[in-house]
Amino acid sequence: MKLMKIFFLKTCNKQHGFSYVEVLVAMFILSIAIVPAMEAIQSGIQGAGVHDSLTRQHYAMIKRMEEVQADSYGNLLSSAQTAGNATTPGSYSDPGGQTERVLVFLALYDADADPFTLVDPDNDGDGDVYTGDTSNLLWLRVALENSAKSMETLISR
């Protein structure tokens, strides 16, 4: 009976709070779990920085493309003529030495197998490939210097 009474008192005795061992076990589990959680947060912060940079570059290219397209066709044709080919940046490009420099390429486009080789039929008699029937389309490419990021479009009269 005495044994039963001791057992009953021990089971009925309500414990308040946590024991030292329980706190140590909980801290150990949290310390193990916090390492992957911190690595996940670090990856997220780094990804946000990359996304911010890519977004800024994307909108810089869109802005420049819109600015160029808003100019008159005559000015664009003159810039394409000055550049002379599709690989030389034109006058709409940022000056050299800037970070995230935006390059603008303009060239005549004739929509055949090799779109940048123009043959002037000389219908207007001036011998200039940048005038007459061959100058109806301009190819526009906006790119970031030292990057594979670019955008292209065609402009017509």
Protein backbone atom coordinates (compact mmCIF):
# COMPACT_ATOMS: atom_id res chain seq x y z
CA MET A 1 0.00 0.00 0.00
CA LYS A 2 2.83 2.34 0.83
CA LEU A 3 4.36 1.66 -2.60
CA MET A 4 1.05 2.44 -4.24
CA LYS A 5 0.80 5.70 -2.31
CA ILE A 6 4.31 6.80 -3.41
CA PHE A 7 3.51 5.97 -7.03
CA PHE A 8 0.21 7.85 -6.80
CA LEU A 9 1.86 10.92 -5.31
CA LYS A 10 4.57 10.95 -7.96
CA THR A 11 2.07 10.67 -10.83
CA CYS A 12 -0.28 13.26 -9.38
CA ASN A 13 2.46 15.75 -8.63
CA LYS A 14 2.20 18.29 -11.47
CA GLN A 15 5.48 19.62 -12.77
CA HIS A 16 5.70 23.34 -13.62
CA GLY A 17 8.23 24.53 -16.23
CA PHE A 18 10.99 22.66 -18.05
CA SER A 19 13.85 20.74 -16.59
CA TYR A 20 17.44 21.65 -17.33
CA VAL A 21 17.88 18.53 -19.50
CA GLU A 22 14.82 19.37 -21.59
CA VAL A 23 16.15 22.87 -22.23
CA LEU A 24 19.56 21.46 -23.24
CA VAL A 25 17.96 18.97 -25.65
CA ALA A 26 15.82 21.71 -27.20
CA MET A 27 18.85 24.01 -27.65
CA PHE A 28 20.83 21.18 -29.25
CA ILE A 29 18.04 20.49 -31.76
CA LEU A 30 17.69 24.21 -32.59
CA SER A 31 21.44 24.62 -33.06
CA ILE A 32 21.46 21.75 -35.56
CA ALA A 33 18.41 23.07 -37.44
CA ILE A 34 19.58 26.69 -37.64
CA VAL A 35 22.55 26.00 -39.94
CA PRO A 36 20.48 24.95 -43.01
CA ALA A 37 17.97 27.72 -42.27
CA MET A 38 20.71 30.37 -42.34
CA GLU A 39 22.15 28.95 -45.56
CA ALA A 40 18.70 29.16 -47.17
CA ILE A 41 18.34 32.78 -46.09
CA GLN A 42 21.80 33.61 -47.44
CA SER A 43 20.95 32.05 -50.82
CA GLY A 44 17.75 34.06 -50.95
CA ILE A 45 19.55 37.32 -50.25
CA GLN A 46 22.18 36.60 -52.91
CA GLY A 47 19.46 35.69 -55.42
CA ALA A 48 17.66 38.96 -54.74
CA GLY A 49 20.85 40.88 -55.56
CA VAL A 50 21.30 39.02 -58.85
CA HIS A 51 17.65 39.56 -59.75
CA ASP A 52 17.97 43.28 -59.01
CA SER A 53 20.99 43.56 -61.31
CA LEU A 54 19.33 41.61 -64.15
CA THR A 55 16.16 43.69 -63.87
CA ARG A 56 18.12 46.96 -63.98
CA GLN A 57 20.04 45.80 -67.08
CA HIS A 58 16.85 44.62 -68.79
CA TYR A 59 15.09 47.94 -68.31
CA ALA A 60 18.20 49.89 -69.40
CA MET A 61 18.13 47.98 -72.71
CA ILE A 62 14.37 48.50 -73.14
CA LYS A 63 14.74 52.22 -72.42
CA ARG A 64 17.49 52.62 -75.01
CA MET A 65 15.56 50.62 -77.61
CA GLU A 66 12.50 52.86 -77.10
CA GLU A 67 14.64 56.00 -77.34
CA VAL A 68 16.19 54.86 -80.61
CA GLN A 69 12.85 53.80 -82.10
CA ALA A 70 11.39 57.23 -81.23
CA ASP A 71 13.97 58.99 -83.42
CA SER A 72 13.23 59.76 -87.06
CA TYR A 73 13.92 57.15 -89.72
CA GLY A 74 16.30 59.55 -91.48
CA ASN A 75 18.49 59.88 -88.39
CA LEU A 76 18.50 56.12 -87.88
CA LEU A 77 19.42 55.55 -91.52
CA SER A 78 22.26 58.05 -91.20
CA SER A 79 23.56 56.27 -88.09
CA ALA A 80 23.40 52.90 -89.89
CA GLN A 81 25.32 54.39 -92.80
CA THR A 82 27.98 55.80 -90.47
CA ALA A 83 28.40 52.45 -88.68
CA GLY A 84 28.68 50.67 -92.03
CA ASN A 85 27.95 47.16 -90.72
CA ALA A 86 26.00 45.19 -88.12
CA THR A 87 28.97 44.69 -85.78
CA THR A 88 30.02 48.30 -85.21
CA PRO A 89 28.23 50.16 -82.40
CA GLY A 90 26.48 53.29 -83.58
CA SER A 91 26.16 56.83 -82.28
CA TYR A 92 23.25 55.87 -79.99
CA SER A 93 25.60 53.80 -77.80
CA ASP A 94 26.80 54.95 -74.38
CA PRO A 95 30.26 56.55 -74.28
CA GLY A 96 33.16 54.22 -73.49
CA GLY A 97 34.32 53.59 -69.94
CA GLN A 98 30.88 53.32 -68.36
CA THR A 99 29.80 50.35 -66.27
CA GLU A 100 26.91 48.40 -67.81
CA ARG A 101 27.48 50.25 -71.09
CA VAL A 102 24.59 49.94 -73.54
CA LEU A 103 25.62 49.40 -77.16
CA VAL A 104 23.32 50.13 -80.10
CA PHE A 105 23.85 48.47 -83.47
CA LEU A 106 21.99 49.69 -86.56
CA ALA A 107 22.29 48.22 -90.04
CA LEU A 108 20.33 47.94 -93.25
CA TYR A 109 18.43 44.69 -93.48
CA ASP A 110 17.36 42.99 -96.71
CA ALA A 111 15.73 39.80 -95.34
CA ASP A 112 17.52 37.19 -97.44
CA ALA A 113 19.93 34.38 -96.52
CA ASP A 114 22.58 36.97 -95.58
CA PRO A 115 20.47 39.92 -94.42
CA PHE A 116 23.30 42.43 -94.08
CA THR A 117 24.63 42.24 -97.65
CA LEU A 118 22.86 44.85 -99.71
CA VAL A 119 23.01 45.31 -103.42
CA ASP A 120 21.87 48.73 -104.55
CA PRO A 121 19.95 48.45 -107.79
CA ASP A 122 20.85 52.13 -108.18
CA ASN A 123 17.28 53.03 -109.12
CA ASP A 124 17.89 56.52 -107.80
CA GLY A 125 21.21 56.86 -109.65
CA ASP A 126 23.36 57.82 -106.66
CA GLY A 127 25.33 54.54 -106.19
CA ASP A 128 24.62 54.62 -102.41
CA VAL A 129 23.28 51.36 -100.91
CA TYR A 130 21.68 53.32 -98.09
CA THR A 131 19.14 54.98 -100.35
CA GLY A 132 16.52 53.81 -102.81
CA ASP A 133 14.60 50.53 -102.65
CA THR A 134 17.10 48.70 -100.42
CA SER A 135 16.75 50.97 -97.39
CA ASN A 136 13.24 50.00 -96.29
CA LEU A 137 14.25 47.96 -93.23
CA LEU A 138 16.70 48.74 -90.47
CA TRP A 139 17.93 46.13 -88.03
CA LEU A 140 18.30 47.40 -84.46
CA ARG A 141 20.14 45.54 -81.73
CA VAL A 142 20.62 46.85 -78.21
CA ALA A 143 23.15 44.96 -76.09
CA LEU A 144 25.11 45.26 -72.87
CA GLU A 145 28.86 45.46 -73.37
CA ASN A 146 30.72 42.26 -72.40
CA SER A 147 27.43 40.40 -71.94
CA ALA A 148 25.31 37.97 -73.92
CA LYS A 149 22.18 40.00 -73.12
CA SER A 150 20.68 41.76 -76.11
CA MET A 151 17.40 42.68 -77.81
CA GLU A 152 16.71 42.95 -81.52
CA THR A 153 13.97 44.37 -83.70
CA LEU A 154 13.35 45.63 -87.22
CA ILE A 155 12.33 49.19 -88.05
CA SER A 156 10.59 50.16 -91.25
CA ARG A 157 9.91 53.55 -92.81
